[in-house]
Structures are given as C-alpha cells and as structure tokens.
Amino acid sequence: MKTAAQYAKQAGLPNLKASSEISGESIQTLNNWLNNKPFVFHSVIQRSSKVFKMINQIKALLEVQKNDIKAMNLTTEEVNNFVFGEGDIVEHYLNNNNISEDDVNLEELRDLQHGMIDDL
C-alpha cells in the first residue's frame, strides 16, 4: 500500500507537507485519514494538488508581468492601478478557469501580487 506522502507526490505535490499547509490539516491527520477515511484523504490531496498548481501558475504569470512592467517605466500608482485593474492576473486566471473567488484563498493570491510589486 502507498504511503500518504507517495499519494501526495503522485498528485503533483512536492511532499505531504504541502497538502498540510494548503488544507490546514496536520500531517498526522492526513496520515490517519488515509487509513481511516480514504475518501476524505484523497479528496484533500486532489484539492491540494489543484491549489498548488494554481498558485504556481499564477506565480509564473506574475513573474512575466513583473518583467513587462519593468519595461514600461510606470509610476508606483500606475503599477498598482495596472496590477489590480486591467492587468489583474489573479482575476483573469480565476475567470479563465471558471474558479469562484469563494473557492480560493483570495488574500493569499493578492499577497502574491503585492509581493511582485514589492520586487519591482
């Protein structure tokens, strides 16, 4: 039988800790669920994998956007208006992938945008 960590890696997560951080459940709880509530365990792993992939895709898009913004010579106000306005990567990603803002940690995604701005 596979371990919880093996299932996590098979789902595209780097390790079981990533699922723990995304889901808010301890590694011990995830291990227990594999043994006692396998449907719950696999649902959490599947959801964690989707969130992990989404975050990484958004990070990659923000990196491209950061390089584009650097070439534009925008003021701080213009950068903020662009990043959270017409160039809102998070909003575009969610809309293009039919993901409701209620289904994600929007604050965490906005923090990625603020981090990108801080890197400029």
Protein backbone atom coordinates (compact mmCIF):
# COMPACT_ATOMS: atom_id res chain seq x y z
CA MET A 1 0.00 0.00 0.00
CA LYS A 2 1.21 3.51 -0.80
CA THR A 3 2.03 5.99 1.91
CA ALA A 4 0.28 9.36 2.23
CA ALA A 5 3.46 11.06 1.00
CA GLN A 6 3.54 8.83 -2.08
CA TYR A 7 -0.05 9.71 -2.92
CA ALA A 8 0.77 13.40 -2.49
CA LYS A 9 3.73 13.16 -4.85
CA GLN A 10 1.69 11.17 -7.34
CA ALA A 11 -0.86 14.02 -7.33
CA GLY A 12 1.85 16.55 -8.23
CA LEU A 13 2.65 17.90 -4.78
CA PRO A 14 6.29 18.12 -3.73
CA ASN A 15 5.51 16.37 -0.44
CA LEU A 16 2.77 15.73 2.09
CA LYS A 17 3.68 18.90 3.98
CA ALA A 18 2.45 20.96 1.00
CA SER A 19 -1.00 19.39 1.33
CA SER A 20 -0.90 20.01 5.07
CA GLU A 21 -0.11 23.68 4.56
CA ILE A 22 -2.76 24.15 1.88
CA SER A 23 -5.51 22.23 3.67
CA GLY A 24 -4.71 23.37 7.19
CA GLU A 25 -4.71 19.76 8.38
CA SER A 26 -1.72 18.27 10.16
CA ILE A 27 0.43 15.64 8.50
CA GLN A 28 -0.67 13.21 11.22
CA THR A 29 -4.34 13.87 10.43
CA LEU A 30 -3.71 13.29 6.73
CA ASN A 31 -1.93 10.00 7.53
CA ASN A 32 -4.82 8.97 9.78
CA TRP A 33 -7.35 9.82 7.08
CA LEU A 34 -5.52 7.64 4.58
CA ASN A 35 -6.04 4.70 6.92
CA ASN A 36 -9.46 5.55 8.36
CA LYS A 37 -11.15 7.88 5.88
CA PRO A 38 -9.53 7.24 2.49
CA PHE A 39 -12.22 9.13 0.56
CA VAL A 40 -11.59 12.25 2.66
CA PHE A 41 -7.82 11.82 2.34
CA HIS A 42 -7.91 11.51 -1.45
CA SER A 43 -10.32 14.46 -1.74
CA VAL A 44 -7.96 16.65 0.29
CA ILE A 45 -4.94 15.53 -1.74
CA GLN A 46 -6.75 16.19 -5.01
CA ARG A 47 -7.87 19.66 -3.89
CA SER A 48 -4.41 20.48 -2.51
CA SER A 49 -2.85 19.48 -5.81
CA LYS A 50 -5.20 21.77 -7.76
CA VAL A 51 -4.48 24.69 -5.44
CA PHE A 52 -0.72 24.04 -5.56
CA LYS A 53 -0.75 24.01 -9.36
CA MET A 54 -2.89 27.15 -9.50
CA ILE A 55 -0.56 29.05 -7.17
CA ASN A 56 2.48 28.04 -9.21
CA GLN A 57 0.80 29.04 -12.47
CA ILE A 58 -0.17 32.41 -11.02
CA LYS A 59 3.39 32.91 -9.73
CA ALA A 60 4.75 32.23 -13.23
CA LEU A 61 2.28 34.68 -14.78
CA LEU A 62 3.18 37.32 -12.20
CA GLU A 63 6.88 36.88 -12.99
CA VAL A 64 6.17 37.57 -16.67
CA GLN A 65 4.02 40.55 -15.71
CA LYS A 66 6.79 41.89 -13.46
CA ASN A 67 9.25 41.83 -16.35
CA ASP A 68 6.71 43.55 -18.61
CA ILE A 69 6.07 46.25 -16.00
CA LYS A 70 9.79 46.90 -15.58
CA ALA A 71 9.97 47.69 -19.30
CA MET A 72 7.04 50.14 -19.07
CA ASN A 73 8.62 52.68 -16.67
CA LEU A 74 5.38 53.17 -14.73
CA THR A 75 4.93 55.19 -11.57
CA THR A 76 4.02 53.36 -8.36
CA GLU A 77 0.41 54.46 -8.72
CA GLU A 78 0.28 53.30 -12.34
CA VAL A 79 1.76 49.93 -11.36
CA ASN A 80 -0.89 49.42 -8.67
CA ASN A 81 -3.68 50.50 -11.00
CA PHE A 82 -2.44 48.10 -13.67
CA VAL A 83 -1.77 45.10 -11.42
CA PHE A 84 -5.12 45.35 -9.64
CA GLY A 85 -7.03 46.72 -12.64
CA GLU A 86 -6.81 45.76 -16.30
CA GLY A 87 -3.75 43.60 -15.76
CA ASP A 88 -5.15 41.69 -12.77
CA ILE A 89 -3.54 38.27 -13.27
CA VAL A 90 -5.45 36.72 -10.38
CA GLU A 91 -8.85 37.87 -11.63
CA HIS A 92 -8.08 36.84 -15.20
CA TYR A 93 -6.81 33.43 -14.07
CA LEU A 94 -9.86 32.74 -11.93
CA ASN A 95 -12.26 33.87 -14.67
CA ASN A 96 -10.48 31.93 -17.42
CA ASN A 97 -10.52 28.77 -15.32
CA ASN A 98 -14.09 29.19 -14.03
CA ILE A 99 -12.91 29.37 -10.42
CA SER A 100 -15.04 31.26 -7.93
CA GLU A 101 -13.29 33.65 -5.55
CA ASP A 102 -15.15 31.78 -2.81
CA ASP A 103 -13.22 28.60 -3.68
CA VAL A 104 -9.75 30.06 -3.14
CA ASN A 105 -7.79 31.92 -0.51
CA LEU A 106 -8.05 35.25 -2.30
CA GLU A 107 -5.96 37.01 0.35
CA GLU A 108 -3.06 34.65 -0.32
CA LEU A 109 -3.30 35.29 -4.06
CA ARG A 110 -3.43 39.06 -3.54
CA ASP A 111 -0.35 38.72 -1.31
CA LEU A 112 1.45 37.19 -4.30
CA GLN A 113 0.56 40.29 -6.31
CA HIS A 114 1.75 42.61 -3.57
CA GLY A 115 4.98 40.62 -3.34
CA MET A 116 5.53 41.03 -7.07
CA ILE A 117 5.01 44.79 -6.76
CA ASP A 118 7.45 44.92 -3.84
CA ASP A 119 10.04 43.17 -6.04
CA LEU A 120 9.86 45.92 -8.66
